[in-house]
Structures are given as C-alpha cells and as structure tokens.
Amino acid sequence: RSPWGVPAFFLGGASAGSIGWNHYREWRSQLDATIGVGQTSDIYAGALLLKQRVQTFQRVLGYLPVGDSVPPATSSDFSPSSAAAYLEGRTRLAEMAFTFGLRWDTFDPNTTLADERISAQSQLSPRFGFSTVLGPATVVGSYGVFYQAPDFQFLIDAAFDDTTRTGRFRRGNPSLGFEKATMFEGSVRVRPAPLVALTVNGFVKQLDGLVSSVPLGIDPDSSIFGNADFGNVKGLEIIAEREFARGWGMSVAYTLQQATATSTSAFLRFRLPSIDPVTGDTIIPARVEFPLDFDRRQALTFIAQGQSPANFGPQILGIRLLADWHASGIYRYQSGLPYSRTNVAGDSLLGEPNGFRLPSQSTIDLLIRRTFQVGAQVAGIYLDIRNLLNTDNVVAVRRDTGTPFQDLAQLEKMADQALARDPNPIPYESPRYRRWADLDGNGLIEGQAELRPLYLQAATDFSQPLFLYGPPRIVRLGFEYLF
C-alpha cells in the first residue's frame, strides 16, 4: 500500500535480455627456495606454472534479432597457460644493503588467429633496490619493471550492452601482449627525537601497453582490443609516528597521488575517428590522459591512542575504576573519486571520462576498552563507535544529476506520466483516500490540483538515494572473554 494513496512506483519490466555463461578451471604449481650464502648474502629463487581452461558464452539484447546495432552471440573455448621464474639476491656491505632480481614471465593463449597459431610471448623484468644510512637518515630506493598478462576476456570477442554510444561489440585479440609497469620509489626515514619517526616516500609508476579498444574504422563495432593505452601514477606519502610509550602514542599519514591514463576502461571508445566533410580525410583526435577510477588525490589518517595508569583515580572497595582504560581514536579524510556524467538517457557522456569528482569523505571512530582478570582468564568490556559524528558521506551519485537526488524536472515528469496513465479520482470509500489531500473536502481526491501532489510524493519516495551514502553511526557495547 502506498502512503500517498495513488499507485506507487516500482522497478519492473522484463530483463535486459543479457545471457552470460562462464566456466573456468585452473591448475597451479609453485616452488620457492631460499639459499644462504655466507653471513651477509641470501639468494631467493622460485617458479610458477599455471594452466587454465576457459569457456564463455555471451548474448546481449537477446529479445532483438542480430543485426544493425545488436551484436551476434560470442563464445569461446581455449586453454591458456603461463609460467614465471625469478631469481633474487640480497647482500649487505657495512651500512649498505642491496637487492637484485630478475623475473621471467611467459604467456601462451593456445589459440589461433586467421588459421595461424598465436605463439607464446615472454618478457624479462629486472628489479633493483638499495638502502643505506646517511647521517641520521635511512635512505631506501628501488626500481622495477613488472609485466602482467592481459585479462582472458580481452582475448576473445566481447558483446555488451553499451551505454555511451561506442558500440556493443569488440573483437578479441589473442595476440595481445603484456601490460607493462615501470616503478621508481624512494624513501627517507629519520628520527628527529626519541620515540618519534618521520618517513617520506615518493613513487612514480609508468604504465604502458594497457588494453584498450583500437578503432579499425569509424564504426565503433569495428574496434579490436589492443595494447594501445598508457598512463602514469605518481604520489607522495608522509608518515609521522610517535611510538606508544608512557601511556600514549599517535601517528599521522598523508598521501598525495595522481593516477591518469589515456582511457579509463578497455571497452571505452572516446577517441572516435571522423571523416572531414571537405577533404574526406580520416581525423583521429589527439590522445589525452584522464583520471583513473582509483585516482583519489588526497588521503589523511590520524590515529591517537592512550592508556590510563594502573594506579590512576580513586580507589573504591579496593578497585580503581579509572585505571587501565585503553582508548583509541581514528580520523580519516579522503578526497572524492572521479566519475563520469551522462545525459538523462544514459547513452552519452557529458564532458570527459571521469571529469567529475565525488565529494570528500571523513569519519571519526572511537574505541574504549578495559580488561580485567576473571580467575585465570582475561575478560573485558568495550565501547566501539564507528562514524562518531554520524557524518553523511556520499559514496556514489546519480550520473545524470551529479547528486544523490533526482532533479525536480525529472520528478515532475514521472508524476505527470503516472497521472496521465491513472487520472481516476479516489472516493471517500476507498482505502486509498487521504483526508489531508482532499483540498475542497468534497469526499473525492480528483483533478490535477489534488492528484498531482500525491504522484509527486510517490515519485520522490521512489527516487530516494538509499545506497548512495556510507555507513551511519554504529555503536557497539560489548563484553569479551578470552580463553
């Protein structure tokens, strides 16, 4: 029953017509070994072998015949295999330590393309790291190259229900190569005072050969998966810590990061080529980097903890009620993640991919605990409060409005459409009659002036943002017994 008297809004209708079936099996074997070489050196070695069996079937818009904008069904059955081996050495010389490593990766899709078998691909990736003491500081640096085999879904044809007018079909590419990441990292650690440590980390990760949709013409459905995208992740991390001693301790961690790439999804076709109407030339837009989905620019975490002394407070009946209490608090702040806006229909992007950002989020958590002896065992009571201030943190928004709420124009449109479908008056005898909505008191809720506000309220209820906020305040009061 609707509280507003008029018929309520419900999610209904047929399914989207998408059918998917996936079957996956894996056989894995791994061996690792550690060899000591003298008193200052160690050697680590290992190998990994993977064999898989992958079977898939996809069909979208199954209620429509194949053709025009409806892609054909796709299926696959292949058995890829991969292997890896590594060799790493660590040695210490006086106040310096070095790490050298080499990793070998290979990937074989075990399939054919145009009646020609695709050969296996292999890569060698070196790693290097060092640490040394320079006066009061410890300096650590590292360099590494990392290769990752492409996801299996990009080796085969893909059919999907498009929402951004960039096609519904992508050609699989079993000859895809490795995705590559080159990482540089350095850190400096100092102790400016007893019990106090300060660490500054900096990192740069260069991404290359990321899987993307490569156009083979102006038709979006002609795209094929290829290693065409690139990007970079860079950031700075500062950590200050006061070790727990003499009843208190605290730490502060701040991270500044930027993560961008030329595409936010392997299925996204944003750089659509066009034909010049005058010259007939194919125009391909310039490559531009966009924020990645995990591009959270700033994060701050503050942790404080304390403990009351064993002899703290007055003694009542031989018990010091204020002694041995432990308390800790955590403050977290995170800037908003990026997201893409769309039009009301959801089939066109507004602006650039990930060109908008969610609001920042912050929470304060508090934990208070006291333990005591119960015979030979230890028990305790605790008060655990999450999101102490009950802050409303927006974790998602509507892509068409950029807020958790539907805009008034769309609500009015929903109400008008519902009123047009069911404009019948509601008599006094009906259980759906609401006295407060009968403005003229004639025993009938009728007409635009009386029915439309009810439909508008029902539409507002239907559009409530139930799952777009983070957890509310949660309070736990409990007893624990350790045995």
Protein backbone atom coordinates (compact mmCIF):
# COMPACT_ATOMS: atom_id res chain seq x y z
CA ARG A 1 0.00 0.00 0.00
CA SER A 2 1.30 3.42 -0.93
CA PRO A 3 1.23 6.01 1.91
CA TRP A 4 0.22 8.60 -0.65
CA GLY A 5 -2.93 6.87 -1.88
CA VAL A 6 -2.02 6.89 -5.56
CA PRO A 7 -0.28 3.87 -7.15
CA ALA A 8 3.37 3.68 -6.11
CA PHE A 9 6.36 3.46 -8.43
CA PHE A 10 8.17 0.13 -8.68
CA LEU A 11 11.16 -1.23 -10.53
CA GLY A 12 9.69 -3.63 -13.04
CA GLY A 13 9.63 -4.78 -16.60
CA ALA A 14 11.45 -7.50 -18.45
CA SER A 15 15.11 -8.35 -18.11
CA ALA A 16 17.75 -6.61 -20.21
CA GLY A 17 17.99 -9.72 -22.36
CA SER A 18 21.62 -10.45 -21.46
CA ILE A 19 22.82 -14.03 -21.18
CA GLY A 20 26.25 -14.94 -19.88
CA TRP A 21 27.89 -18.23 -19.04
CA ASN A 22 31.46 -18.70 -17.85
CA HIS A 23 33.38 -21.78 -16.83
CA TYR A 24 36.93 -21.61 -15.52
CA ARG A 25 39.37 -24.21 -14.24
CA GLU A 26 42.95 -23.70 -13.09
CA TRP A 27 45.89 -25.93 -12.28
CA ARG A 28 48.70 -24.24 -10.35
CA SER A 29 52.15 -25.42 -9.27
CA GLN A 30 54.66 -23.30 -7.38
CA LEU A 31 58.10 -23.85 -5.86
CA ASP A 32 60.18 -21.39 -3.81
CA ALA A 33 63.64 -21.81 -2.31
CA THR A 34 65.96 -19.77 -0.08
CA ILE A 35 69.72 -20.29 -0.07
CA GLY A 36 72.07 -18.66 2.43
CA VAL A 37 75.44 -17.56 1.02
CA GLY A 38 77.76 -16.70 3.86
CA GLN A 39 76.70 -14.40 6.67
CA THR A 40 75.74 -11.37 4.61
CA SER A 41 74.02 -12.69 1.50
CA ASP A 42 70.93 -14.68 0.57
CA ILE A 43 69.55 -15.99 -2.70
CA TYR A 44 65.85 -16.49 -3.37
CA ALA A 45 64.55 -18.47 -6.32
CA GLY A 46 61.20 -19.77 -7.43
CA ALA A 47 59.00 -20.86 -10.30
CA LEU A 48 55.29 -20.85 -11.06
CA LEU A 49 53.30 -22.79 -13.65
CA LEU A 50 49.63 -22.12 -14.48
CA LYS A 51 47.29 -23.94 -16.83
CA GLN A 52 43.70 -22.87 -17.35
CA ARG A 53 40.59 -23.93 -19.22
CA VAL A 54 38.27 -21.06 -20.15
CA GLN A 55 34.78 -21.43 -21.67
CA THR A 56 32.45 -18.47 -22.23
CA PHE A 57 29.17 -17.51 -23.89
CA GLN A 58 27.69 -14.00 -24.24
CA ARG A 59 24.49 -12.67 -25.81
CA VAL A 60 23.10 -9.18 -25.19
CA LEU A 61 19.73 -7.74 -26.21
CA GLY A 62 18.52 -11.29 -26.71
CA TYR A 63 14.96 -10.16 -27.36
CA LEU A 64 16.11 -8.48 -30.61
CA PRO A 65 17.38 -10.16 -33.79
CA VAL A 66 21.09 -9.91 -34.55
CA GLY A 67 21.93 -7.11 -36.93
CA ASP A 68 22.15 -3.33 -37.09
CA SER A 69 23.17 -2.33 -33.54
CA VAL A 70 22.60 -5.78 -31.99
CA PRO A 71 25.85 -7.79 -31.86
CA PRO A 72 25.97 -11.52 -32.51
CA ALA A 73 26.45 -14.01 -29.71
CA THR A 74 30.05 -14.76 -28.78
CA SER A 75 31.54 -17.96 -27.41
CA SER A 76 35.00 -19.31 -26.70
CA ASP A 77 36.78 -22.42 -25.52
CA PHE A 78 40.53 -22.17 -25.07
CA SER A 79 43.25 -23.31 -22.66
CA PRO A 80 45.85 -20.62 -21.99
CA SER A 81 48.95 -21.30 -19.95
CA SER A 82 51.51 -19.11 -18.24
CA ALA A 83 54.74 -19.58 -16.35
CA ALA A 84 57.12 -17.45 -14.34
CA ALA A 85 60.50 -17.83 -12.66
CA TYR A 86 62.51 -15.44 -10.53
CA LEU A 87 65.97 -15.13 -9.04
CA GLU A 88 66.75 -12.59 -6.35
CA GLY A 89 69.88 -11.84 -4.37
CA ARG A 90 70.32 -9.77 -1.23
CA THR A 91 73.61 -8.72 0.25
CA ARG A 92 74.80 -6.39 3.00
CA LEU A 93 78.02 -4.38 2.94
CA ALA A 94 78.76 -2.37 6.07
CA GLU A 95 75.90 0.16 6.28
CA MET A 96 74.51 -0.59 2.84
CA ALA A 97 72.14 -3.30 1.63
CA PHE A 98 71.44 -4.22 -1.98
CA THR A 99 68.76 -6.29 -3.66
CA PHE A 100 68.99 -7.53 -7.26
CA GLY A 101 66.31 -9.52 -9.01
CA LEU A 102 65.26 -10.84 -12.38
CA ARG A 103 61.88 -12.31 -13.28
CA TRP A 104 60.87 -14.17 -16.41
CA ASP A 105 57.21 -14.31 -17.48
CA THR A 106 55.66 -16.14 -20.40
CA PHE A 107 52.09 -16.40 -21.63
CA ASP A 108 50.63 -18.70 -24.29
CA PRO A 109 46.95 -18.23 -25.31
CA ASN A 110 46.97 -21.64 -27.06
CA THR A 111 44.64 -20.43 -29.79
CA THR A 112 44.71 -19.46 -33.45
CA LEU A 113 44.01 -16.30 -35.43
CA ALA A 114 43.15 -16.50 -39.15
CA ASP A 115 44.11 -20.21 -39.11
CA GLU A 116 47.54 -19.31 -37.74
CA ARG A 117 48.56 -20.35 -34.26
CA ILE A 118 49.47 -17.50 -31.93
CA SER A 119 52.92 -18.04 -30.47
CA ALA A 120 53.79 -17.60 -26.81
CA GLN A 121 55.17 -14.28 -25.56
CA SER A 122 57.89 -13.84 -22.95
CA GLN A 123 59.38 -10.93 -21.04
CA LEU A 124 62.28 -10.36 -18.63
CA SER A 125 61.80 -7.82 -15.87
CA PRO A 126 64.70 -6.56 -13.73
CA ARG A 127 64.37 -5.22 -10.18
CA PHE A 128 66.88 -3.34 -8.07
CA GLY A 129 66.83 -1.84 -4.60
CA PHE A 130 69.20 -0.42 -2.01
CA SER A 131 69.19 1.05 1.47
CA THR A 132 71.89 2.97 3.30
CA VAL A 133 72.44 5.23 6.28
CA LEU A 134 73.33 8.86 5.65
CA GLY A 135 73.89 10.56 8.96
CA PRO A 136 70.64 10.41 10.96
CA ALA A 137 68.61 9.27 7.96
CA THR A 138 67.97 5.93 6.30
CA VAL A 139 67.60 6.21 2.53
CA VAL A 140 65.83 3.50 0.52
CA GLY A 141 65.44 3.39 -3.24
CA SER A 142 64.05 0.84 -5.68
CA TYR A 143 63.43 0.34 -9.38
CA GLY A 144 61.42 -2.39 -11.01
CA VAL A 145 59.75 -3.45 -14.22
CA PHE A 146 56.57 -5.50 -13.93
CA TYR A 147 54.71 -7.37 -16.67
CA GLN A 148 51.18 -8.72 -16.47
CA ALA A 149 49.46 -10.96 -18.98
CA PRO A 150 46.21 -9.49 -20.38
CA ASP A 151 42.90 -10.47 -18.87
CA PHE A 152 41.34 -13.50 -20.59
CA GLN A 153 38.19 -11.57 -21.51
CA PHE A 154 40.20 -9.44 -23.97
CA LEU A 155 41.48 -12.45 -25.91
CA ILE A 156 38.00 -13.29 -27.20
CA ASP A 157 35.13 -11.40 -28.84
CA ALA A 158 33.03 -9.38 -26.41
CA ALA A 159 29.36 -8.40 -26.71
CA PHE A 160 27.98 -5.96 -24.18
CA ASP A 161 25.07 -3.60 -23.61
CA ASP A 162 26.54 -0.20 -24.42
CA THR A 163 25.60 2.96 -22.53
CA THR A 164 27.84 5.58 -24.16
CA ARG A 165 27.21 5.14 -27.90
CA THR A 166 30.57 3.49 -28.54
CA GLY A 167 29.27 0.21 -29.92
CA ARG A 168 28.23 -3.11 -28.45
CA PHE A 169 30.91 -5.37 -29.86
CA ARG A 170 34.69 -5.70 -29.56
CA ARG A 171 36.85 -8.12 -31.49
CA GLY A 172 39.02 -10.29 -29.29
CA ASN A 173 42.75 -10.30 -29.87
CA PRO A 174 44.62 -13.47 -28.86
CA SER A 175 47.89 -11.81 -29.91
CA LEU A 176 47.68 -9.23 -27.13
CA GLY A 177 50.96 -8.59 -25.38
CA PHE A 178 51.87 -7.97 -21.77
CA GLU A 179 50.78 -4.86 -19.92
CA LYS A 180 53.86 -3.13 -18.52
CA ALA A 181 54.53 -1.04 -15.42
CA THR A 182 57.84 0.62 -14.60
CA MET A 183 58.11 1.77 -11.00
CA PHE A 184 60.54 4.10 -9.23
CA GLU A 185 60.30 4.50 -5.48
CA GLY A 186 62.38 6.30 -2.87
CA SER A 187 62.02 6.99 0.82
CA VAL A 188 63.85 8.79 3.61
CA ARG A 189 63.41 7.81 7.25
CA VAL A 190 64.63 9.90 10.17
CA ARG A 191 64.18 10.01 13.95
CA PRO A 192 64.08 13.71 14.90
CA ALA A 193 63.50 12.80 18.57
CA PRO A 194 63.39 9.71 20.76
CA LEU A 195 60.27 7.62 20.06
CA VAL A 196 59.46 9.82 17.04
CA ALA A 197 59.88 8.64 13.44
CA LEU A 198 59.32 10.55 10.21
CA THR A 199 59.12 8.83 6.81
CA VAL A 200 58.75 10.47 3.40
CA ASN A 201 58.02 8.22 0.40
CA GLY A 202 57.82 9.19 -3.24
CA PHE A 203 56.81 6.94 -6.12
CA VAL A 204 56.30 7.08 -9.87
CA LYS A 205 54.70 4.24 -11.84
CA GLN A 206 54.66 4.43 -15.63
CA LEU A 207 52.01 2.28 -17.32
CA ASP A 208 52.35 1.15 -20.91
CA GLY A 209 50.65 -1.33 -23.21
CA LEU A 210 47.33 -1.17 -21.37
CA VAL A 211 44.49 -2.96 -23.12
CA SER A 212 42.09 -0.63 -24.94
CA SER A 213 39.63 -0.56 -27.83
CA VAL A 214 41.54 0.26 -31.02
CA PRO A 215 39.40 1.58 -33.92
CA LEU A 216 39.63 -0.11 -37.30
CA GLY A 217 37.21 2.38 -38.87
CA ILE A 218 34.57 4.93 -37.99
CA ASP A 219 32.12 2.20 -36.94
CA PRO A 220 32.57 1.70 -33.16
CA ASP A 221 31.75 -2.01 -33.51
CA SER A 222 34.82 -2.46 -35.71
CA SER A 223 37.12 -1.92 -32.71
CA ILE A 224 39.56 -4.58 -31.57
CA PHE A 225 41.32 -4.97 -28.25
CA GLY A 226 44.94 -3.86 -28.42
CA ASN A 227 47.86 -2.74 -26.24
CA ALA A 228 47.42 0.93 -27.08
CA ASP A 229 46.87 2.85 -23.85
CA PHE A 230 49.39 4.31 -21.44
CA GLY A 231 49.32 6.24 -18.18
CA ASN A 232 51.18 7.08 -15.03
CA VAL A 233 50.70 7.06 -11.28
CA LYS A 234 52.76 9.36 -9.08
CA GLY A 235 52.49 10.33 -5.48
CA LEU A 236 53.98 11.35 -2.18
CA GLU A 237 53.41 9.83 1.25
CA ILE A 238 54.38 11.40 4.59
CA ILE A 239 54.16 9.40 7.82
CA ALA A 240 54.90 10.78 11.29
CA GLU A 241 54.68 8.44 14.26
CA ARG A 242 55.18 8.71 17.99
CA GLU A 243 55.63 5.20 19.37
CA PHE A 244 53.33 4.09 22.18
CA ALA A 245 55.17 4.81 25.42
CA ARG A 246 54.38 6.32 28.80
CA GLY A 247 50.68 5.86 28.20
CA TRP A 248 50.16 7.42 24.78
CA GLY A 249 51.07 7.27 21.12
CA MET A 250 49.96 8.74 17.81
CA SER A 251 50.59 8.62 14.07
CA VAL A 252 49.68 10.78 11.08
CA ALA A 253 49.79 9.60 7.45
CA TYR A 254 49.15 11.84 4.45
CA THR A 255 49.09 10.70 0.83
CA LEU A 256 49.04 12.86 -2.29
CA GLN A 257 48.51 10.92 -5.52
CA GLN A 258 47.64 11.35 -9.17
CA ALA A 259 46.68 8.43 -11.44
CA THR A 260 45.88 9.10 -15.10
CA ALA A 261 45.73 7.13 -18.35
CA THR A 262 44.55 7.64 -21.91
CA SER A 263 41.44 5.56 -21.21
CA THR A 264 39.51 4.63 -18.09
CA SER A 265 38.18 1.33 -19.50
CA ALA A 266 39.28 -1.17 -22.13
CA PHE A 267 35.75 -1.04 -23.60
CA LEU A 268 35.52 2.75 -23.82
CA ARG A 269 35.83 4.36 -27.26
CA PHE A 270 36.19 8.06 -26.56
CA ARG A 271 38.59 8.91 -29.37
CA LEU A 272 36.17 8.21 -32.21
CA PRO A 273 37.62 8.98 -35.66
CA SER A 274 35.59 11.12 -38.03
CA ILE A 275 35.62 11.97 -41.73
CA ASP A 276 36.38 15.52 -42.83
CA PRO A 277 33.37 16.56 -44.98
CA VAL A 278 35.60 18.70 -47.25
CA THR A 279 38.77 16.66 -47.78
CA GLY A 280 37.42 13.20 -46.94
CA ASP A 281 40.39 12.60 -44.64
CA THR A 282 40.06 10.49 -41.50
CA ILE A 283 40.53 12.66 -38.42
CA ILE A 284 41.73 10.92 -35.26
CA PRO A 285 41.52 13.03 -32.07
CA ALA A 286 44.66 13.62 -30.00
CA ARG A 287 45.36 11.30 -27.09
CA VAL A 288 44.52 12.84 -23.73
CA GLU A 289 45.03 11.34 -20.28
CA PHE A 290 42.02 11.06 -17.95
CA PRO A 291 41.85 10.27 -14.21
CA LEU A 292 41.68 6.54 -13.48
CA ASP A 293 38.83 5.15 -11.39
CA PHE A 294 41.08 4.87 -8.29
CA ASP A 295 42.55 8.38 -8.65
CA ARG A 296 41.97 9.55 -5.08
CA ARG A 297 44.12 12.67 -4.89
CA GLN A 298 44.42 13.09 -1.11
CA ALA A 299 44.06 10.91 1.96
CA LEU A 300 44.77 11.70 5.61
CA THR A 301 44.71 9.30 8.56
CA PHE A 302 45.28 10.37 12.16
CA ILE A 303 45.47 7.75 14.93
CA ALA A 304 45.74 8.54 18.64
CA GLN A 305 45.77 6.06 21.49
CA GLY A 306 46.19 6.27 25.23
CA GLN A 307 46.07 4.22 28.41
CA SER A 308 45.35 5.32 31.96
CA PRO A 309 47.95 4.23 34.56
CA ALA A 310 47.30 1.22 36.79
CA ASN A 311 47.15 3.45 39.88
CA PHE A 312 45.04 6.21 38.33
CA GLY A 313 41.95 7.57 40.08
CA PRO A 314 40.41 6.99 43.49
CA GLN A 315 40.15 3.53 44.96
CA ILE A 316 36.63 2.34 45.77
CA LEU A 317 36.18 -1.01 47.55
CA GLY A 318 39.71 -1.90 46.54
CA ILE A 319 39.07 -1.21 42.82
CA ARG A 320 40.40 1.72 40.82
CA LEU A 321 37.57 2.26 38.35
CA LEU A 322 39.52 4.75 36.22
CA ALA A 323 42.69 2.66 35.93
CA ASP A 324 43.80 0.51 32.97
CA TRP A 325 41.41 2.02 30.43
CA HIS A 326 42.56 1.91 26.81
CA ALA A 327 41.23 4.44 24.31
CA SER A 328 41.98 4.97 20.63
CA GLY A 329 40.57 7.27 18.01
CA ILE A 330 40.95 7.33 14.23
CA TYR A 331 40.19 10.25 11.95
CA ARG A 332 40.06 9.54 8.22
CA TYR A 333 39.75 12.03 5.39
CA GLN A 334 39.62 11.09 1.71
CA SER A 335 39.10 13.29 -1.29
CA GLY A 336 36.46 12.19 -3.78
CA LEU A 337 36.96 9.61 -6.51
CA PRO A 338 36.33 10.57 -10.15
CA TYR A 339 33.22 9.59 -12.09
CA SER A 340 31.65 10.27 -15.48
CA ARG A 341 28.43 12.23 -16.03
CA THR A 342 25.85 11.10 -18.59
CA ASN A 343 22.70 12.55 -20.05
CA VAL A 344 19.28 11.55 -18.71
CA ALA A 345 19.01 8.64 -21.16
CA GLY A 346 22.41 7.37 -20.03
CA ASP A 347 23.70 6.86 -23.57
CA SER A 348 26.06 9.85 -23.90
CA LEU A 349 28.85 11.19 -21.73
CA LEU A 350 28.73 14.79 -20.54
CA GLY A 351 32.25 16.14 -20.57
CA GLU A 352 35.36 14.00 -20.40
CA PRO A 353 35.52 10.49 -18.91
CA ASN A 354 35.96 10.75 -15.14
CA GLY A 355 35.73 14.50 -15.50
CA PHE A 356 33.75 14.96 -12.27
CA ARG A 357 34.51 14.06 -8.66
CA LEU A 358 32.53 12.79 -5.71
CA PRO A 359 32.50 14.88 -2.51
CA SER A 360 35.22 14.23 0.04
CA GLN A 361 34.58 11.79 2.90
CA SER A 362 35.57 11.88 6.55
CA THR A 363 34.88 9.75 9.62
CA ILE A 364 35.90 9.59 13.27
CA ASP A 365 35.99 6.20 15.01
CA LEU A 366 36.39 5.71 18.76
CA LEU A 367 37.21 2.60 20.79
CA ILE A 368 37.31 2.45 24.61
CA ARG A 369 38.23 -0.82 26.34
CA ARG A 370 39.10 -2.08 29.80
CA THR A 371 40.40 -5.54 30.57
CA PHE A 372 40.37 -7.26 33.94
CA GLN A 373 41.19 -10.62 35.45
CA VAL A 374 38.48 -13.24 35.96
CA GLY A 375 40.15 -16.09 37.76
CA ALA A 376 42.91 -17.36 35.50
CA GLN A 377 41.37 -15.80 32.39
CA VAL A 378 41.16 -12.29 30.97
CA ALA A 379 37.88 -10.52 30.24
CA GLY A 380 36.97 -7.03 29.19
CA ILE A 381 34.29 -4.54 28.30
CA TYR A 382 34.41 -2.20 25.34
CA LEU A 383 32.60 0.64 23.61
CA ASP A 384 33.15 0.77 19.86
CA ILE A 385 31.69 3.73 17.94
CA ARG A 386 32.09 4.00 14.18
CA ASN A 387 31.39 7.32 12.46
CA LEU A 388 31.12 9.08 15.81
CA LEU A 389 29.68 12.31 14.37
CA ASN A 390 27.24 10.45 12.09
CA THR A 391 28.69 12.21 9.05
CA ASP A 392 26.76 11.80 5.79
CA ASN A 393 29.42 10.58 3.35
CA VAL A 394 28.35 10.43 -0.28
CA VAL A 395 29.93 7.34 -1.89
CA ALA A 396 28.04 7.49 -5.19
CA VAL A 397 25.82 9.89 -7.12
CA ARG A 398 23.35 9.76 -9.96
CA ARG A 399 25.27 10.04 -13.21
CA ASP A 400 22.65 12.35 -14.74
CA THR A 401 22.38 14.93 -11.94
CA GLY A 402 25.75 14.68 -10.20
CA THR A 403 24.00 14.48 -6.80
CA PRO A 404 22.35 11.65 -4.84
CA PHE A 405 18.93 13.05 -5.71
CA GLN A 406 16.78 13.13 -8.81
CA ASP A 407 16.22 16.67 -10.06
CA LEU A 408 12.79 18.30 -9.80
CA ALA A 409 12.19 18.33 -13.56
CA GLN A 410 12.51 14.53 -13.78
CA LEU A 411 10.35 14.03 -10.69
CA GLU A 412 7.62 16.19 -12.21
CA LYS A 413 7.92 14.28 -15.48
CA MET A 414 7.47 10.97 -13.65
CA ALA A 415 4.46 12.35 -11.76
CA ASP A 416 2.82 13.73 -14.91
CA GLN A 417 3.27 10.45 -16.80
CA ALA A 418 1.80 8.46 -13.91
CA LEU A 419 -1.14 10.87 -13.61
CA ALA A 420 -1.83 10.54 -17.34
CA ARG A 421 -1.96 6.74 -17.01
CA ASP A 422 -4.29 6.77 -13.99
CA PRO A 423 -6.23 10.05 -13.59
CA ASN A 424 -9.18 8.36 -11.87
CA PRO A 425 -10.46 10.11 -8.72
CA ILE A 426 -10.14 8.45 -5.32
CA PRO A 427 -13.52 8.37 -3.49
CA TYR A 428 -14.03 8.67 0.24
CA GLU A 429 -14.93 4.96 0.48
CA SER A 430 -11.59 3.84 -0.98
CA PRO A 431 -8.82 2.69 1.38
CA ARG A 432 -6.54 4.90 -0.73
CA TYR A 433 -8.43 8.05 0.29
CA ARG A 434 -6.36 10.58 2.25
CA ARG A 435 -8.36 13.29 4.03
CA TRP A 436 -5.43 15.76 4.07
CA ALA A 437 -5.17 15.52 0.24
CA ASP A 438 -8.87 16.35 -0.29
CA LEU A 439 -8.36 20.10 -0.55
CA ASP A 440 -12.01 21.05 -1.15
CA GLY A 441 -13.41 18.46 1.27
CA ASN A 442 -15.93 17.05 -1.21
CA GLY A 443 -15.08 13.41 -0.49
CA LEU A 444 -13.13 12.96 -3.73
CA ILE A 445 -9.43 13.33 -4.45
CA GLU A 446 -9.64 14.42 -8.04
CA GLY A 447 -8.12 16.65 -10.65
CA GLN A 448 -4.64 17.98 -11.25
CA ALA A 449 -4.53 20.07 -8.08
CA GLU A 450 -5.23 17.14 -5.73
CA LEU A 451 -3.80 14.07 -7.51
CA ARG A 452 -0.56 15.52 -8.89
CA PRO A 453 1.00 16.33 -5.46
CA LEU A 454 0.39 12.71 -4.42
CA TYR A 455 2.09 11.36 -7.53
CA LEU A 456 4.96 13.78 -6.98
CA GLN A 457 5.43 12.49 -3.42
CA ALA A 458 5.33 8.89 -4.68
CA ALA A 459 7.96 9.72 -7.32
CA THR A 460 10.14 11.36 -4.66
CA ASP A 461 9.90 8.24 -2.49
CA PHE A 462 10.83 6.04 -5.44
CA SER A 463 13.93 8.16 -6.14
CA GLN A 464 15.27 8.18 -2.58
CA PRO A 465 19.08 7.61 -2.56
CA LEU A 466 19.08 4.53 -0.34
CA PHE A 467 22.52 3.15 -1.22
CA LEU A 468 24.48 6.28 -2.12
CA TYR A 469 25.74 7.08 1.39
CA GLY A 470 28.37 5.46 3.58
CA PRO A 471 27.62 3.68 6.88
CA PRO A 472 25.85 5.77 9.56
CA ARG A 473 26.91 5.92 13.19
CA ILE A 474 27.27 2.42 14.63
CA VAL A 475 27.59 1.90 18.40
CA ARG A 476 28.70 -1.43 19.86
CA LEU A 477 28.81 -2.06 23.61
CA GLY A 478 30.15 -5.47 24.43
CA PHE A 479 31.80 -7.92 26.78
CA GLU A 480 34.69 -10.16 25.76
CA TYR A 481 36.16 -13.20 27.47
CA LEU A 482 39.49 -14.63 26.39
CA PHE A 483 40.18 -18.32 26.94
